[in-house]
C-alpha atoms as a PDB file:
ATOM      1  CA  MET A   1     167.548 111.498  50.620  1.00  0.00           C
ATOM      2  CA  ASN A   2     165.686 113.223  47.883  1.00  0.00           C
ATOM      3  CA  ARG A   3     162.526 114.282  48.978  1.00  0.00           C
ATOM      4  CA  VAL A   4     162.400 117.524  50.897  1.00  0.00           C
ATOM      5  CA  ASN A   5     159.357 118.954  52.724  1.00  0.00           C
ATOM      6  CA  SER A   6     160.653 122.240  54.012  1.00  0.00           C
ATOM      7  CA  VAL A   7     164.050 123.918  54.196  1.00  0.00           C
ATOM      8  CA  GLY A   8     165.678 126.524  56.407  1.00  0.00           C
ATOM      9  CA  VAL A   9     168.851 128.540  55.031  1.00  0.00           C
ATOM     10  CA  GLU A  10     170.838 130.053  57.932  1.00  0.00           C
ATOM     11  CA  SER A  11     173.507 131.709  55.731  1.00  0.00           C
ATOM     12  CA  GLY A  12     174.500 131.810  51.906  1.00  0.00           C
ATOM     13  CA  ALA A  13     172.696 130.791  48.931  1.00  0.00           C
ATOM     14  CA  TRP A  14     172.197 127.532  47.500  1.00  0.00           C
ATOM     15  CA  VAL A  15     171.521 126.155  44.072  1.00  0.00           C
ATOM     16  CA  CYS A  16     169.317 122.814  44.124  1.00  0.00           C
ATOM     17  CA  PHE A  17     168.324 120.602  41.382  1.00  0.00           C
ATOM     18  CA  ASP A  18     165.550 118.084  41.059  1.00  0.00           C
ATOM     19  CA  PRO A  19     167.776 115.178  40.124  1.00  0.00           C
ATOM     20  CA  PRO A  20     170.965 113.854  41.942  1.00  0.00           C
ATOM     21  CA  ASP A  21     173.295 114.877  39.089  1.00  0.00           C
ATOM     22  CA  PHE A  22     173.285 118.835  39.229  1.00  0.00           C
ATOM     23  CA  ARG A  23     171.155 119.053  36.147  1.00  0.00           C
ATOM     24  CA  GLY A  24     167.512 119.726  35.236  1.00  0.00           C
ATOM     25  CA  GLN A  25     164.965 122.042  37.038  1.00  0.00           C
ATOM     26  CA  ARG A  26     167.063 124.332  39.273  1.00  0.00           C
ATOM     27  CA  PHE A  27     166.104 126.664  41.961  1.00  0.00           C
ATOM     28  CA  ILE A  28     167.836 129.272  44.398  1.00  0.00           C
ATOM     29  CA  LEU A  29     167.541 129.236  48.082  1.00  0.00           C
ATOM     30  CA  GLU A  30     168.717 132.188  50.007  1.00  0.00           C
ATOM     31  CA  ARG A  31     168.553 133.013  53.491  1.00  0.00           C
ATOM     32  CA  GLY A  32     165.211 132.235  55.325  1.00  0.00           C
ATOM     33  CA  ASN A  33     162.600 129.414  55.584  1.00  0.00           C
ATOM     34  CA  TYR A  34     160.670 127.434  53.117  1.00  0.00           C
ATOM     35  CA  PRO A  35     157.764 125.736  54.559  1.00  0.00           C
ATOM     36  CA  ASP A  36     157.098 123.661  51.473  1.00  0.00           C
ATOM     37  CA  PHE A  37     158.397 123.277  47.900  1.00  0.00           C
ATOM     38  CA  PHE A  38     155.840 125.910  46.680  1.00  0.00           C
ATOM     39  CA  HIS A  39     157.814 128.760  48.441  1.00  0.00           C
ATOM     40  CA  TRP A  40     160.881 127.975  46.412  1.00  0.00           C
ATOM     41  CA  ASN A  41     159.348 127.662  43.138  1.00  0.00           C
ATOM     42  CA  ALA A  42     159.822 123.941  42.751  1.00  0.00           C
ATOM     43  CA  HIS A  43     157.106 121.774  40.777  1.00  0.00           C
ATOM     44  CA  ASN A  44     157.620 118.726  43.387  1.00  0.00           C
ATOM     45  CA  ASP A  45     159.126 117.732  46.692  1.00  0.00           C
ATOM     46  CA  HIS A  46     162.320 116.277  45.163  1.00  0.00           C
ATOM     47  CA  MET A  47     165.762 117.871  45.716  1.00  0.00           C
ATOM     48  CA  GLY A  48     168.318 115.435  44.474  1.00  0.00           C
ATOM     49  CA  SER A  49     171.472 117.588  44.636  1.00  0.00           C
ATOM     50  CA  ARG A  50     172.652 120.986  45.950  1.00  0.00           C
ATOM     51  CA  ARG A  51     175.811 123.287  46.161  1.00  0.00           C
ATOM     52  CA  PRO A  52     176.617 126.655  47.358  1.00  0.00           C
ATOM     53  CA  VAL A  53     176.493 129.448  44.995  1.00  0.00           C
ATOM     54  CA  GLY A  54     179.836 131.310  44.567  1.00  0.00           C
ATOM     55  CA  MET A  55     180.454 134.434  46.525  1.00  0.00           C
ATOM     56  CA  HIS A  56     180.503 137.993  45.360  1.00  0.00           C
ATOM     57  CA  GLY A  57     183.748 139.868  45.206  1.00  0.00           C
ATOM     58  CA  GLU A  58     183.825 143.587  45.455  1.00  0.00           C
ATOM     59  CA  HIS A  59     183.486 144.043  41.766  1.00  0.00           C
ATOM     60  CA  PHE A  60     181.049 141.720  39.814  1.00  0.00           C
ATOM     61  CA  CYS A  61     179.318 142.233  36.920  1.00  0.00           C
ATOM     62  CA  LEU A  62     177.834 140.379  33.827  1.00  0.00           C
ATOM     63  CA  GLU A  63     177.967 141.157  30.077  1.00  0.00           C
ATOM     64  CA  ILE A  64     175.220 139.810  27.844  1.00  0.00           C
ATOM     65  CA  PHE A  65     175.490 139.620  23.964  1.00  0.00           C
ATOM     66  CA  GLU A  66     173.020 139.561  21.284  1.00  0.00           C
ATOM     67  CA  GLY A  67     174.910 136.922  19.265  1.00  0.00           C
ATOM     68  CA  CYS A  68     176.659 133.608  19.882  1.00  0.00           C
ATOM     69  CA  ASN A  69     180.363 133.764  20.731  1.00  0.00           C
ATOM     70  CA  PHE A  70     180.165 137.245  21.982  1.00  0.00           C
ATOM     71  CA  THR A  71     179.124 139.215  19.075  1.00  0.00           C
ATOM     72  CA  GLY A  72     176.485 141.842  18.251  1.00  0.00           C
ATOM     73  CA  GLN A  73     175.197 144.294  20.631  1.00  0.00           C
ATOM     74  CA  CYS A  74     176.680 144.021  24.313  1.00  0.00           C
ATOM     75  CA  LEU A  75     175.237 145.411  27.437  1.00  0.00           C
ATOM     76  CA  GLU A  76     176.950 145.438  30.937  1.00  0.00           C
ATOM     77  CA  LEU A  77     174.952 145.120  34.149  1.00  0.00           C
ATOM     78  CA  GLN A  78     176.012 145.528  37.502  1.00  0.00           C
ATOM     79  CA  ASP A  79     172.406 145.562  39.129  1.00  0.00           C
ATOM     80  CA  ASP A  80     169.360 143.614  38.928  1.00  0.00           C
ATOM     81  CA  CYS A  81     167.113 144.226  35.734  1.00  0.00           C
ATOM     82  CA  PRO A  82     163.611 143.407  36.087  1.00  0.00           C
ATOM     83  CA  PHE A  83     162.817 143.944  32.476  1.00  0.00           C
ATOM     84  CA  LEU A  84     165.601 144.048  29.874  1.00  0.00           C
ATOM     85  CA  GLN A  85     163.527 145.638  27.309  1.00  0.00           C
ATOM     86  CA  SER A  86     163.437 148.811  29.403  1.00  0.00           C
ATOM     87  CA  ARG A  87     167.175 149.132  28.838  1.00  0.00           C
ATOM     88  CA  GLY A  88     166.611 149.061  25.065  1.00  0.00           C
ATOM     89  CA  TRP A  89     167.557 145.167  24.820  1.00  0.00           C
ATOM     90  CA  THR A  90     165.613 142.646  22.981  1.00  0.00           C
ATOM     91  CA  ASP A  91     164.280 139.388  24.638  1.00  0.00           C
ATOM     92  CA  CYS A  92     167.501 137.383  23.048  1.00  0.00           C
ATOM     93  CA  VAL A  93     170.789 136.759  25.089  1.00  0.00           C
ATOM     94  CA  ASN A  94     172.814 134.452  23.214  1.00  0.00           C
ATOM     95  CA  ALA A  95     176.216 134.630  25.280  1.00  0.00           C
ATOM     96  CA  VAL A  96     177.148 135.836  28.666  1.00  0.00           C
ATOM     97  CA  LYS A  97     180.295 136.870  30.340  1.00  0.00           C
ATOM     98  CA  VAL A  98     180.367 136.591  34.111  1.00  0.00           C
ATOM     99  CA  TYR A  99     183.202 138.501  35.979  1.00  0.00           C
ATOM    100  CA  GLY A 100     184.042 138.465  39.556  1.00  0.00           C
ATOM    101  CA  ASP A 101     182.890 135.755  42.168  1.00  0.00           C
ATOM    102  CA  GLY A 102     179.344 136.440  41.687  1.00  0.00           C
ATOM    103  CA  ALA A 103     176.454 134.734  40.223  1.00  0.00           C
ATOM    104  CA  TRP A 104     173.275 135.619  38.154  1.00  0.00           C
ATOM    105  CA  ASP A 105     169.789 134.094  37.623  1.00  0.00           C
ATOM    106  CA  LEU A 106     168.717 134.751  34.145  1.00  0.00           C
ATOM    107  CA  TYR A 107     164.806 134.364  33.951  1.00  0.00           C
ATOM    108  CA  GLU A 108     162.731 134.015  30.680  1.00  0.00           C
ATOM    109  CA  GLU A 109     159.966 136.214  31.631  1.00  0.00           C
ATOM    110  CA  PRO A 110     160.063 139.789  33.110  1.00  0.00           C
ATOM    111  CA  ASN A 111     160.040 140.571  36.910  1.00  0.00           C
ATOM    112  CA  TYR A 112     161.968 137.311  37.710  1.00  0.00           C
ATOM    113  CA  HIS A 113     159.429 134.845  36.360  1.00  0.00           C
ATOM    114  CA  GLY A 114     159.476 131.855  34.168  1.00  0.00           C
ATOM    115  CA  ARG A 115     162.277 129.348  33.625  1.00  0.00           C
ATOM    116  CA  MET A 116     165.438 130.239  35.494  1.00  0.00           C
ATOM    117  CA  TYR A 117     169.092 129.816  34.711  1.00  0.00           C
ATOM    118  CA  LEU A 118     171.975 130.180  36.859  1.00  0.00           C
ATOM    119  CA  VAL A 119     175.232 131.471  35.539  1.00  0.00           C
ATOM    120  CA  GLU A 120     178.533 131.569  37.740  1.00  0.00           C
ATOM    121  CA  ARG A 121     181.897 132.996  36.857  1.00  0.00           C
ATOM    122  CA  GLY A 122     182.817 132.369  33.338  1.00  0.00           C
ATOM    123  CA  ASP A 123     182.153 132.513  29.575  1.00  0.00           C
ATOM    124  CA  PHE A 124     178.943 131.088  28.170  1.00  0.00           C
ATOM    125  CA  ARG A 125     179.385 131.411  24.119  1.00  0.00           C
ATOM    126  CA  SER A 126     175.728 130.042  23.848  1.00  0.00           C
ATOM    127  CA  PHE A 127     172.599 129.565  25.528  1.00  0.00           C
ATOM    128  CA  ALA A 128     173.005 126.045  25.364  1.00  0.00           C
ATOM    129  CA  ASP A 129     176.141 126.534  27.789  1.00  0.00           C
ATOM    130  CA  TRP A 130     173.703 127.339  30.613  1.00  0.00           C
ATOM    131  CA  GLU A 131     171.547 124.641  29.554  1.00  0.00           C
ATOM    132  CA  ALA A 132     168.632 126.868  28.384  1.00  0.00           C
ATOM    133  CA  HIS A 133     165.968 125.843  25.763  1.00  0.00           C
ATOM    134  CA  SER A 134     166.126 129.162  23.994  1.00  0.00           C
ATOM    135  CA  ALA A 135     167.913 132.503  24.062  1.00  0.00           C
ATOM    136  CA  ARG A 136     164.738 134.145  25.545  1.00  0.00           C
ATOM    137  CA  VAL A 137     165.887 136.264  28.516  1.00  0.00           C
ATOM    138  CA  GLN A 138     163.810 139.025  29.820  1.00  0.00           C
ATOM    139  CA  SER A 139     165.041 139.600  33.353  1.00  0.00           C
ATOM    140  CA  LEU A 140     168.094 138.876  35.629  1.00  0.00           C
ATOM    141  CA  ARG A 141     169.383 139.511  39.157  1.00  0.00           C
ATOM    142  CA  SER A 142     172.574 138.994  40.968  1.00  0.00           C
ATOM    143  CA  VAL A 143     172.720 136.185  43.669  1.00  0.00           C
ATOM    144  CA  VAL A 144     173.942 137.481  46.757  1.00  0.00           C
ATOM    145  CA  ASN A 145     175.958 134.742  49.127  1.00  0.00           C
ATOM    146  CA  PHE A 146     177.389 135.524  52.499  1.00  0.00           C
ATOM    147  CA  PHE A 147     179.183 132.810  54.300  1.00  0.00           C
END
């Protein structure tokens, strides 16, 4: 089944993808009801693959870097940030380190809008590692998952 008209998430958070191979257009569904695909910011009713998002441990954070391979200016975040420029950051994030068992959504536009990319625990040396089209990131937030 790859067409979905509505979704109810009883617990946890799920990263869902349009195609069946965990690539392409992605969106996060957290606890709640989604009566149609517009409510989960999808462009159509296709949901070809999905998986649970990693759970947060007691300590989780993320470091963003101005340059590839963890070079240049660095900023550590433990809380959501609706506008990175308000913290003195440019709109370029070329590398990311995610600590703990958490996951973070990176958005191309302020206030959690635009293309969204999910990064989970690990090192991302370049924006290509999280399958972004560019290094543009203007807001980010943690994905909370309780199972």
